[in-house]
Protein backbone atom coordinates (compact mmCIF):
# COMPACT_ATOMS: atom_id res chain seq x y z
CA MET A 1 4.08 -1.96 -40.77
CA ASP A 2 5.02 1.70 -41.07
CA TYR A 3 5.29 3.05 -44.64
CA HIS A 4 4.65 6.27 -46.57
CA LEU A 5 2.38 6.50 -49.60
CA THR A 6 3.21 9.06 -52.28
CA GLU A 7 0.30 11.00 -53.73
CA HIS A 8 0.56 8.97 -56.85
CA ALA A 9 0.40 5.70 -54.85
CA ARG A 10 -2.72 6.94 -53.03
CA ASP A 11 -4.36 7.80 -56.33
CA ALA A 12 -3.31 4.45 -57.89
CA LEU A 13 -4.75 2.43 -54.98
CA LYS A 14 -8.11 4.21 -55.26
CA LYS A 15 -8.28 4.08 -59.09
CA ARG A 16 -7.17 0.44 -59.28
CA GLN A 17 -9.30 -0.69 -56.33
CA ILE A 18 -6.31 -2.02 -54.40
CA ARG A 19 -6.97 -2.58 -50.72
CA LEU A 20 -4.48 -1.44 -48.11
CA GLU A 21 -4.39 -4.94 -46.68
CA TRP A 22 -3.23 -6.25 -50.05
CA LEU A 23 -0.57 -3.60 -50.28
CA GLU A 24 0.66 -4.43 -46.84
CA GLN A 25 0.72 -8.13 -47.67
CA ALA A 26 3.06 -7.39 -50.56
CA LEU A 27 5.22 -5.07 -48.39
CA ILE A 28 5.52 -7.41 -45.36
CA ALA A 29 5.64 -10.86 -47.01
CA PRO A 30 6.31 -10.60 -50.77
CA GLU A 31 6.49 -13.87 -52.65
CA ARG A 32 9.20 -12.33 -54.82
CA THR A 33 11.29 -9.16 -54.92
CA GLU A 34 12.95 -7.62 -58.01
CA LYS A 35 15.18 -4.65 -58.59
CA ASP A 36 13.79 -1.97 -60.88
CA SER A 37 15.39 -2.08 -64.31
CA MET A 38 15.59 1.72 -64.70
CA ASP A 39 16.10 3.00 -61.12
CA GLU A 40 18.43 1.09 -58.79
CA THR A 41 16.91 2.82 -55.76
CA LEU A 42 13.55 1.09 -56.28
CA GLU A 43 12.44 -2.42 -55.40
CA HIS A 44 9.40 -4.31 -56.70
CA ARG A 45 7.57 -6.52 -54.21
CA LEU A 46 5.15 -9.05 -55.69
CA ALA A 47 2.41 -11.01 -54.00
CA ARG A 48 -0.43 -13.11 -55.38
CA ILE A 49 -3.79 -11.81 -54.15
CA GLU A 50 -6.25 -14.75 -53.97
CA GLU A 51 -9.21 -12.46 -53.21
CA PHE A 52 -8.58 -10.75 -56.57
CA GLY A 53 -8.65 -13.84 -58.75
CA GLY A 54 -5.10 -14.92 -57.84
CA ARG A 55 -3.62 -11.94 -59.73
CA THR A 56 -0.17 -10.68 -58.84
CA LEU A 57 0.12 -7.33 -57.13
CA ARG A 58 3.32 -5.43 -57.82
CA VAL A 59 4.26 -2.76 -55.30
CA VAL A 60 7.11 -0.42 -56.22
CA VAL A 61 8.91 0.92 -53.13
CA ASP A 62 11.98 2.92 -52.23
CA ALA A 63 13.12 0.68 -49.36
CA ARG A 64 16.20 2.80 -48.64
CA LEU A 65 14.01 5.26 -46.77
CA THR A 66 12.66 4.84 -43.27
CA PRO A 67 9.78 4.30 -43.36
CA PRO A 68 9.75 2.77 -46.86
CA ARG A 69 8.10 4.98 -49.53
CA VAL A 70 5.50 3.32 -51.77
CA VAL A 71 5.77 4.87 -55.23
CA THR A 72 3.00 2.90 -56.97
CA ALA A 73 1.08 -0.37 -57.03
CA TYR A 74 -0.68 -2.28 -59.78
CA PHE A 75 -1.83 -5.72 -60.78
CA ASP A 76 0.79 -7.09 -63.17
CA ARG A 77 -0.95 -8.53 -66.21
CA ARG A 78 2.29 -10.12 -67.47
CA ARG A 79 2.44 -12.33 -64.37
CA ARG A 80 -1.11 -13.62 -64.66
CA ASP A 81 -0.36 -17.35 -64.45
CA ARG A 82 2.93 -17.38 -62.58
């Protein structure tokens, strides 16, 4: 999949030890998508990452752009057991 990482997203992946394959899993085949509550141009794509203890990875993306622009990514602590 073709996508663009912002500088913040690159830094977040490194700092949070998020593998590109996990990010791509959430981009290509999210288990759930949500609209951002503050910015209607952003979409949240969520995927459970079994290799990381089953935690949910949340990838925030501007999907209006081609290729999609990844704004940030993080493991969502609030969705631990969902």
